[in-house]
PDB file of N, CA and C in Angstrom:
ATOM      1  N   MET A   1      90.904 103.961 -71.424  1.00  0.00           N
ATOM      2  CA  MET A   1      92.201 103.779 -70.810  1.00  0.00           C
ATOM      3  C   MET A   1      92.842 105.148 -70.564  1.00  0.00           C
ATOM      4  N   THR A   2      93.283 105.364 -69.366  1.00  0.00           N
ATOM      5  CA  THR A   2      93.918 106.641 -69.041  1.00  0.00           C
ATOM      6  C   THR A   2      95.420 106.449 -68.933  1.00  0.00           C
ATOM      7  N   GLU A   3      96.110 107.449 -69.386  1.00  0.00           N
ATOM      8  CA  GLU A   3      97.568 107.417 -69.304  1.00  0.00           C
ATOM      9  C   GLU A   3      98.019 108.380 -68.215  1.00  0.00           C
ATOM     10  N   SER A   4      99.012 107.972 -67.473  1.00  0.00           N
ATOM     11  CA  SER A   4      99.538 108.877 -66.462  1.00  0.00           C
ATOM     12  C   SER A   4     100.577 109.782 -67.119  1.00  0.00           C
ATOM     13  N   PRO A   5     100.556 111.060 -66.759  1.00  0.00           N
ATOM     14  CA  PRO A   5     101.543 111.977 -67.354  1.00  0.00           C
ATOM     15  C   PRO A   5     102.944 111.604 -66.882  1.00  0.00           C
ATOM     16  N   GLU A   6     103.896 111.817 -67.780  1.00  0.00           N
ATOM     17  CA  GLU A   6     105.282 111.557 -67.401  1.00  0.00           C
ATOM     18  C   GLU A   6     105.712 112.565 -66.340  1.00  0.00           C
ATOM     19  N   GLU A   7     106.447 112.081 -65.383  1.00  0.00           N
ATOM     20  CA  GLU A   7     106.944 112.956 -64.333  1.00  0.00           C
ATOM     21  C   GLU A   7     108.309 113.494 -64.748  1.00  0.00           C
ATOM     22  N   THR A   8     108.429 114.796 -64.713  1.00  0.00           N
ATOM     23  CA  THR A   8     109.703 115.428 -65.042  1.00  0.00           C
ATOM     24  C   THR A   8     110.509 115.577 -63.765  1.00  0.00           C
ATOM     25  N   PRO A   9     111.704 115.007 -63.728  1.00  0.00           N
ATOM     26  CA  PRO A   9     112.492 115.120 -62.493  1.00  0.00           C
ATOM     27  C   PRO A   9     112.950 116.558 -62.257  1.00  0.00           C
ATOM     28  N   TRP A  10     112.999 116.925 -60.986  1.00  0.00           N
ATOM     29  CA  TRP A  10     113.491 118.245 -60.595  1.00  0.00           C
ATOM     30  C   TRP A  10     115.007 118.237 -60.737  1.00  0.00           C
ATOM     31  N   PRO A  11     115.605 119.314 -61.233  1.00  0.00           N
ATOM     32  CA  PRO A  11     117.072 119.344 -61.335  1.00  0.00           C
ATOM     33  C   PRO A  11     117.722 119.192 -59.961  1.00  0.00           C
ATOM     34  N   GLY A  12     118.945 118.741 -59.945  1.00  0.00           N
ATOM     35  CA  GLY A  12     119.681 118.603 -58.687  1.00  0.00           C
ATOM     36  C   GLY A  12     119.895 119.955 -58.035  1.00  0.00           C
ATOM     37  N   PRO A  13     120.384 119.950 -56.807  1.00  0.00           N
ATOM     38  CA  PRO A  13     120.620 121.209 -56.093  1.00  0.00           C
ATOM     39  C   PRO A  13     121.602 122.115 -56.847  1.00  0.00           C
ATOM     40  N   ALA A  14     121.322 123.401 -56.804  1.00  0.00           N
ATOM     41  CA  ALA A  14     122.201 124.383 -57.442  1.00  0.00           C
ATOM     42  C   ALA A  14     123.468 124.528 -56.611  1.00  0.00           C
ATOM     43  N   ALA A  15     124.584 124.684 -57.290  1.00  0.00           N
ATOM     44  CA  ALA A  15     125.869 124.857 -56.610  1.00  0.00           C
ATOM     45  C   ALA A  15     125.967 126.264 -56.041  1.00  0.00           C
ATOM     46  N   PRO A  16     126.578 126.417 -54.867  1.00  0.00           N
ATOM     47  CA  PRO A  16     126.769 127.746 -54.281  1.00  0.00           C
ATOM     48  C   PRO A  16     127.586 128.646 -55.221  1.00  0.00           C
ATOM     49  N   THR A  17     127.263 129.933 -55.190  1.00  0.00           N
ATOM     50  CA  THR A  17     127.951 130.890 -56.053  1.00  0.00           C
ATOM     51  C   THR A  17     129.022 131.691 -55.326  1.00  0.00           C
ATOM     52  N   GLY A  18     128.950 131.708 -54.001  1.00  0.00           N
ATOM     53  CA  GLY A  18     129.859 132.555 -53.233  1.00  0.00           C
ATOM     54  C   GLY A  18     129.259 133.921 -52.934  1.00  0.00           C
ATOM     55  N   GLU A  19     128.145 134.251 -53.571  1.00  0.00           N
ATOM     56  CA  GLU A  19     127.424 135.497 -53.312  1.00  0.00           C
ATOM     57  C   GLU A  19     126.329 135.183 -52.304  1.00  0.00           C
ATOM     58  N   THR A  20     126.426 135.770 -51.117  1.00  0.00           N
ATOM     59  CA  THR A  20     125.519 135.436 -50.020  1.00  0.00           C
ATOM     60  C   THR A  20     124.055 135.568 -50.411  1.00  0.00           C
ATOM     61  N   ALA A  21     123.675 136.678 -51.020  1.00  0.00           N
ATOM     62  CA  ALA A  21     122.258 136.909 -51.352  1.00  0.00           C
ATOM     63  C   ALA A  21     121.768 135.898 -52.386  1.00  0.00           C
ATOM     64  N   VAL A  22     122.602 135.581 -53.348  1.00  0.00           N
ATOM     65  CA  VAL A  22     122.218 134.613 -54.386  1.00  0.00           C
ATOM     66  C   VAL A  22     122.125 133.217 -53.778  1.00  0.00           C
ATOM     67  N   ASP A  23     123.102 132.857 -52.950  1.00  0.00           N
ATOM     68  CA  ASP A  23     123.098 131.534 -52.322  1.00  0.00           C
ATOM     69  C   ASP A  23     121.897 131.342 -51.407  1.00  0.00           C
ATOM     70  N   ARG A  24     121.475 132.401 -50.730  1.00  0.00           N
ATOM     71  CA  ARG A  24     120.285 132.328 -49.880  1.00  0.00           C
ATOM     72  C   ARG A  24     119.058 132.018 -50.739  1.00  0.00           C
ATOM     73  N   THR A  25     118.971 132.625 -51.905  1.00  0.00           N
ATOM     74  CA  THR A  25     117.859 132.370 -52.812  1.00  0.00           C
ATOM     75  C   THR A  25     117.923 130.940 -53.349  1.00  0.00           C
ATOM     76  N   LEU A  26     119.126 130.479 -53.679  1.00  0.00           N
ATOM     77  CA  LEU A  26     119.274 129.110 -54.177  1.00  0.00           C
ATOM     78  C   LEU A  26     118.869 128.084 -53.121  1.00  0.00           C
ATOM     79  N   GLU A  27     119.137 128.377 -51.849  1.00  0.00           N
ATOM     80  CA  GLU A  27     118.713 127.471 -50.779  1.00  0.00           C
ATOM     81  C   GLU A  27     117.184 127.352 -50.762  1.00  0.00           C
ATOM     82  N   LEU A  28     116.499 128.475 -50.963  1.00  0.00           N
ATOM     83  CA  LEU A  28     115.037 128.435 -51.038  1.00  0.00           C
ATOM     84  C   LEU A  28     114.585 127.616 -52.246  1.00  0.00           C
ATOM     85  N   LEU A  29     115.243 127.818 -53.371  1.00  0.00           N
ATOM     86  CA  LEU A  29     114.898 127.094 -54.590  1.00  0.00           C
ATOM     87  C   LEU A  29     115.129 125.600 -54.411  1.00  0.00           C
ATOM     88  N   ASN A  30     116.208 125.231 -53.739  1.00  0.00           N
ATOM     89  CA  ASN A  30     116.506 123.818 -53.511  1.00  0.00           C
ATOM     90  C   ASN A  30     115.475 123.140 -52.617  1.00  0.00           C
ATOM     91  N   ALA A  31     114.687 123.937 -51.885  1.00  0.00           N
ATOM     92  CA  ALA A  31     113.666 123.389 -50.994  1.00  0.00           C
ATOM     93  C   ALA A  31     112.370 123.041 -51.723  1.00  0.00           C
ATOM     94  N   VAL A  32     112.211 123.474 -52.968  1.00  0.00           N
ATOM     95  CA  VAL A  32     110.951 123.274 -53.690  1.00  0.00           C
ATOM     96  C   VAL A  32     110.546 121.801 -53.779  1.00  0.00           C
ATOM     97  N   PRO A  33     111.423 120.877 -54.168  1.00  0.00           N
ATOM     98  CA  PRO A  33     110.963 119.485 -54.323  1.00  0.00           C
ATOM     99  C   PRO A  33     110.424 118.858 -53.035  1.00  0.00           C
ATOM    100  N   GLY A  34     110.925 119.258 -51.893  1.00  0.00           N
ATOM    101  CA  GLY A  34     110.469 118.687 -50.634  1.00  0.00           C
ATOM    102  C   GLY A  34     109.334 119.441 -49.981  1.00  0.00           C
ATOM    103  N   THR A  35     108.860 120.477 -50.630  1.00  0.00           N
ATOM    104  CA  THR A  35     107.795 121.309 -50.074  1.00  0.00           C
ATOM    105  C   THR A  35     106.451 120.881 -50.646  1.00  0.00           C
ATOM    106  N   PRO A  36     105.449 120.701 -49.793  1.00  0.00           N
ATOM    107  CA  PRO A  36     104.119 120.341 -50.313  1.00  0.00           C
ATOM    108  C   PRO A  36     103.616 121.404 -51.298  1.00  0.00           C
ATOM    109  N   VAL A  37     102.917 120.950 -52.310  1.00  0.00           N
ATOM    110  CA  VAL A  37     102.415 121.860 -53.341  1.00  0.00           C
ATOM    111  C   VAL A  37     101.585 122.980 -52.732  1.00  0.00           C
ATOM    112  N   SER A  38     100.866 122.679 -51.681  1.00  0.00           N
ATOM    113  CA  SER A  38     100.024 123.709 -51.051  1.00  0.00           C
ATOM    114  C   SER A  38     100.850 124.858 -50.477  1.00  0.00           C
ATOM    115  N   GLU A  39     102.147 124.656 -50.282  1.00  0.00           N
ATOM    116  CA  GLU A  39     103.022 125.695 -49.729  1.00  0.00           C
ATOM    117  C   GLU A  39     103.910 126.344 -50.797  1.00  0.00           C
ATOM    118  N   HIS A  40     103.751 125.942 -52.058  1.00  0.00           N
ATOM    119  CA  HIS A  40     104.594 126.492 -53.123  1.00  0.00           C
ATOM    120  C   HIS A  40     104.405 127.991 -53.315  1.00  0.00           C
ATOM    121  N   ALA A  41     103.194 128.480 -53.202  1.00  0.00           N
ATOM    122  CA  ALA A  41     102.952 129.918 -53.410  1.00  0.00           C
ATOM    123  C   ALA A  41     103.774 130.747 -52.425  1.00  0.00           C
ATOM    124  N   ASP A  42     103.770 130.342 -51.158  1.00  0.00           N
ATOM    125  CA  ASP A  42     104.558 131.072 -50.157  1.00  0.00           C
ATOM    126  C   ASP A  42     106.055 130.963 -50.452  1.00  0.00           C
ATOM    127  N   LEU A  43     106.481 129.783 -50.887  1.00  0.00           N
ATOM    128  CA  LEU A  43     107.894 129.590 -51.198  1.00  0.00           C
ATOM    129  C   LEU A  43     108.308 130.443 -52.393  1.00  0.00           C
ATOM    130  N   TYR A  44     107.470 130.480 -53.424  1.00  0.00           N
ATOM    131  CA  TYR A  44     107.794 131.301 -54.595  1.00  0.00           C
ATOM    132  C   TYR A  44     107.785 132.789 -54.251  1.00  0.00           C
ATOM    133  N   THR A  45     106.918 133.205 -53.344  1.00  0.00           N
ATOM    134  CA  THR A  45     106.919 134.590 -52.881  1.00  0.00           C
ATOM    135  C   THR A  45     108.232 134.896 -52.166  1.00  0.00           C
ATOM    136  N   ALA A  46     108.685 133.977 -51.323  1.00  0.00           N
ATOM    137  CA  ALA A  46     109.960 134.160 -50.621  1.00  0.00           C
ATOM    138  C   ALA A  46     111.122 134.202 -51.609  1.00  0.00           C
ATOM    139  N   LEU A  47     111.077 133.362 -52.648  1.00  0.00           N
ATOM    140  CA  LEU A  47     112.120 133.397 -53.688  1.00  0.00           C
ATOM    141  C   LEU A  47     112.140 134.759 -54.385  1.00  0.00           C
ATOM    142  N   HIS A  48     110.959 135.241 -54.747  1.00  0.00           N
ATOM    143  CA  HIS A  48     110.851 136.542 -55.416  1.00  0.00           C
ATOM    144  C   HIS A  48     111.408 137.654 -54.534  1.00  0.00           C
ATOM    145  N   ASP A  49     111.001 137.662 -53.268  1.00  0.00           N
ATOM    146  CA  ASP A  49     111.476 138.690 -52.340  1.00  0.00           C
ATOM    147  C   ASP A  49     112.994 138.610 -52.153  1.00  0.00           C
ATOM    148  N   SER A  50     113.510 137.395 -52.094  1.00  0.00           N
ATOM    149  CA  SER A  50     114.948 137.214 -51.928  1.00  0.00           C
ATOM    150  C   SER A  50     115.715 137.731 -53.151  1.00  0.00           C
ATOM    151  N   LEU A  51     115.177 137.481 -54.338  1.00  0.00           N
ATOM    152  CA  LEU A  51     115.811 137.991 -55.559  1.00  0.00           C
ATOM    153  C   LEU A  51     115.767 139.520 -55.597  1.00  0.00           C
ATOM    154  N   LEU A  52     114.638 140.100 -55.207  1.00  0.00           N
ATOM    155  CA  LEU A  52     114.543 141.565 -55.164  1.00  0.00           C
ATOM    156  C   LEU A  52     115.565 142.145 -54.193  1.00  0.00           C
ATOM    157  N   GLU A  53     115.710 141.504 -53.036  1.00  0.00           N
ATOM    158  CA  GLU A  53     116.687 141.963 -52.055  1.00  0.00           C
ATOM    159  C   GLU A  53     118.100 141.897 -52.627  1.00  0.00           C
ATOM    160  N   ALA A  54     118.405 140.821 -53.339  1.00  0.00           N
ATOM    161  CA  ALA A  54     119.736 140.679 -53.944  1.00  0.00           C
ATOM    162  C   ALA A  54     119.971 141.756 -55.001  1.00  0.00           C
ATOM    163  N   LEU A  55     118.949 142.048 -55.778  1.00  0.00           N
ATOM    164  CA  LEU A  55     119.091 143.072 -56.822  1.00  0.00           C
ATOM    165  C   LEU A  55     119.183 144.477 -56.245  1.00  0.00           C
ATOM    166  N   ASP A  56     118.539 144.710 -55.100  1.00  0.00           N
ATOM    167  CA  ASP A  56     118.549 146.028 -54.480  1.00  0.00           C
ATOM    168  C   ASP A  56     119.804 146.291 -53.646  1.00  0.00           C
ATOM    169  N   ALA A  57     120.552 145.245 -53.361  1.00  0.00           N
ATOM    170  CA  ALA A  57     121.721 145.382 -52.483  1.00  0.00           C
ATOM    171  C   ALA A  57     122.814 146.221 -53.141  1.00  0.00           C
ATOM    172  N   GLU A  58     123.480 147.002 -52.331  1.00  0.00           N
ATOM    173  CA  GLU A  58     124.623 147.770 -52.789  1.00  0.00           C
ATOM    174  C   GLU A  58     125.845 146.853 -52.778  1.00  0.00           C
ATOM    175  N   PRO A  59     126.594 146.783 -53.870  1.00  0.00           N
ATOM    176  CA  PRO A  59     127.786 145.929 -53.882  1.00  0.00           C
ATOM    177  C   PRO A  59     128.760 146.330 -52.768  1.00  0.00           C
ATOM    178  N   GLY A  60     129.299 145.330 -52.100  1.00  0.00           N
ATOM    179  CA  GLY A  60     130.288 145.580 -51.061  1.00  0.00           C
ATOM    180  C   GLY A  60     129.718 145.868 -49.689  1.00  0.00           C
ATOM    181  N   LEU A  61     128.391 146.005 -49.583  1.00  0.00           N
ATOM    182  CA  LEU A  61     127.767 146.263 -48.290  1.00  0.00           C
ATOM    183  C   LEU A  61     127.196 144.962 -47.745  1.00  0.00           C
ATOM    184  N   PRO A  62     127.091 144.849 -46.414  1.00  0.00           N
ATOM    185  CA  PRO A  62     126.479 143.638 -45.854  1.00  0.00           C
ATOM    186  C   PRO A  62     125.019 143.574 -46.247  1.00  0.00           C
ATOM    187  N   PRO A  63     124.448 142.358 -46.314  1.00  0.00           N
ATOM    188  CA  PRO A  63     123.029 142.250 -46.669  1.00  0.00           C
ATOM    189  C   PRO A  63     122.153 142.959 -45.647  1.00  0.00           C
ATOM    190  N   ALA A  64     121.047 143.514 -46.120  1.00  0.00           N
ATOM    191  CA  ALA A  64     120.120 144.229 -45.246  1.00  0.00           C
ATOM    192  C   ALA A  64     119.423 143.246 -44.321  1.00  0.00           C
ATOM    193  N   ALA A  65     119.120 143.707 -43.122  1.00  0.00           N
ATOM    194  CA  ALA A  65     118.344 142.899 -42.183  1.00  0.00           C
ATOM    195  C   ALA A  65     116.910 142.843 -42.679  1.00  0.00           C
ATOM    196  N   ALA A  66     116.144 141.912 -42.185  1.00  0.00           N
ATOM    197  CA  ALA A  66     114.749 141.781 -42.602  1.00  0.00           C
ATOM    198  C   ALA A  66     114.027 143.103 -42.390  1.00  0.00           C
ATOM    199  N   GLY A  67     113.322 143.556 -43.413  1.00  0.00           N
ATOM    200  CA  GLY A  67     112.566 144.792 -43.318  1.00  0.00           C
ATOM    201  C   GLY A  67     113.397 146.043 -43.548  1.00  0.00           C
ATOM    202  N   GLN A  68     114.671 145.889 -43.784  1.00  0.00           N
ATOM    203  CA  GLN A  68     115.561 147.026 -44.006  1.00  0.00           C
ATOM    204  C   GLN A  68     115.944 147.086 -45.469  1.00  0.00           C
ATOM    205  N   THR A  69     116.041 148.289 -46.012  1.00  0.00           N
ATOM    206  CA  THR A  69     116.539 148.426 -47.369  1.00  0.00           C
ATOM    207  C   THR A  69     118.062 148.448 -47.322  1.00  0.00           C
ATOM    208  N   ALA A  70     118.687 148.282 -48.469  1.00  0.00           N
ATOM    209  CA  ALA A  70     120.144 148.332 -48.530  1.00  0.00           C
ATOM    210  C   ALA A  70     120.645 149.705 -48.088  1.00  0.00           C
ATOM    211  N   ARG A  71     119.891 150.756 -48.430  1.00  0.00           N
ATOM    212  CA  ARG A  71     120.292 152.112 -48.006  1.00  0.00           C
ATOM    213  C   ARG A  71     120.289 152.218 -46.486  1.00  0.00           C
ATOM    214  N   GLN A  72     119.247 151.687 -45.850  1.00  0.00           N
ATOM    215  CA  GLN A  72     119.155 151.756 -44.392  1.00  0.00           C
ATOM    216  C   GLN A  72     120.264 150.934 -43.742  1.00  0.00           C
ATOM    217  N   ALA A  73     120.599 149.784 -44.311  1.00  0.00           N
ATOM    218  CA  ALA A  73     121.669 148.954 -43.777  1.00  0.00           C
ATOM    219  C   ALA A  73     123.006 149.688 -43.848  1.00  0.00           C
ATOM    220  N   ALA A  74     123.134 150.580 -44.826  1.00  0.00           N
ATOM    221  CA  ALA A  74     124.364 151.350 -44.983  1.00  0.00           C
ATOM    222  C   ALA A  74     124.357 152.621 -44.137  1.00  0.00           C
ATOM    223  N   GLY A  75     123.278 152.819 -43.347  1.00  0.00           N
ATOM    224  CA  GLY A  75     123.199 153.995 -42.489  1.00  0.00           C
ATOM    225  C   GLY A  75     122.669 155.220 -43.203  1.00  0.00           C
ATOM    226  N   GLN A  76     122.087 155.025 -44.394  1.00  0.00           N
ATOM    227  CA  GLN A  76     121.517 156.132 -45.151  1.00  0.00           C
ATOM    228  C   GLN A  76     120.001 156.115 -44.972  1.00  0.00           C
ATOM    229  N   PRO A  77     119.369 157.279 -45.072  1.00  0.00           N
ATOM    230  CA  PRO A  77     117.905 157.295 -44.944  1.00  0.00           C
ATOM    231  C   PRO A  77     117.261 156.568 -46.123  1.00  0.00           C
ATOM    232  N   ALA A  78     116.090 156.012 -45.885  1.00  0.00           N
ATOM    233  CA  ALA A  78     115.356 155.345 -46.944  1.00  0.00           C
ATOM    234  C   ALA A  78     115.005 156.352 -48.027  1.00  0.00           C
ATOM    235  N   ALA A  79     114.894 155.898 -49.262  1.00  0.00           N
ATOM    236  CA  ALA A  79     114.616 156.784 -50.396  1.00  0.00           C
ATOM    237  C   ALA A  79     113.256 157.454 -50.277  1.00  0.00           C
ATOM    238  N   ASP A  80     112.323 156.839 -49.538  1.00  0.00           N
ATOM    239  CA  ASP A  80     110.970 157.408 -49.447  1.00  0.00           C
ATOM    240  C   ASP A  80     110.826 158.386 -48.291  1.00  0.00           C
ATOM    241  N   THR A  81     111.947 158.832 -47.701  1.00  0.00           N
ATOM    242  CA  THR A  81     111.912 159.859 -46.655  1.00  0.00           C
ATOM    243  C   THR A  81     112.422 161.152 -47.240  1.00  0.00           C
ATOM    244  N   PRO A  82     112.064 162.291 -46.660  1.00  0.00           N
ATOM    245  CA  PRO A  82     112.566 163.562 -47.182  1.00  0.00           C
ATOM    246  C   PRO A  82     114.087 163.612 -47.231  1.00  0.00           C
ATOM    247  N   GLU A  83     114.748 162.996 -46.245  1.00  0.00           N
ATOM    248  CA  GLU A  83     116.211 163.014 -46.226  1.00  0.00           C
ATOM    249  C   GLU A  83     116.797 162.175 -47.345  1.00  0.00           C
ATOM    250  N   GLY A  84     116.086 161.119 -47.766  1.00  0.00           N
ATOM    251  CA  GLY A  84     116.589 160.206 -48.787  1.00  0.00           C
ATOM    252  C   GLY A  84     116.305 160.636 -50.192  1.00  0.00           C
ATOM    253  N   ASN A  85     115.482 161.661 -50.363  1.00  0.00           N
ATOM    254  CA  ASN A  85     115.133 162.101 -51.705  1.00  0.00           C
ATOM    255  C   ASN A  85     116.008 163.229 -52.209  1.00  0.00           C
ATOM    256  N   SER A  86     117.065 163.543 -51.511  1.00  0.00           N
ATOM    257  CA  SER A  86     117.892 164.656 -51.954  1.00  0.00           C
ATOM    258  C   SER A  86     118.879 164.236 -52.997  1.00  0.00           C
TER     259      SER A  86
END
């Protein structure tokens, strides 16, 4: 006789925080239950990248565009350029 494992329900949607970068990540997290398991790896990668972007953001500055660092969004050279390493 085989027993089926108990299914653990996914928590309800996370409430918005008012922080744009955090809320964007929460929207990705809220998509997990409706996403096929075969696509979870890509979704978790996007969550990770979104969290890194939120942590790298300069407080008070607009969020960086895709592929842009927070420094570049602020009009400063990237840290990995000679101008940014001063």
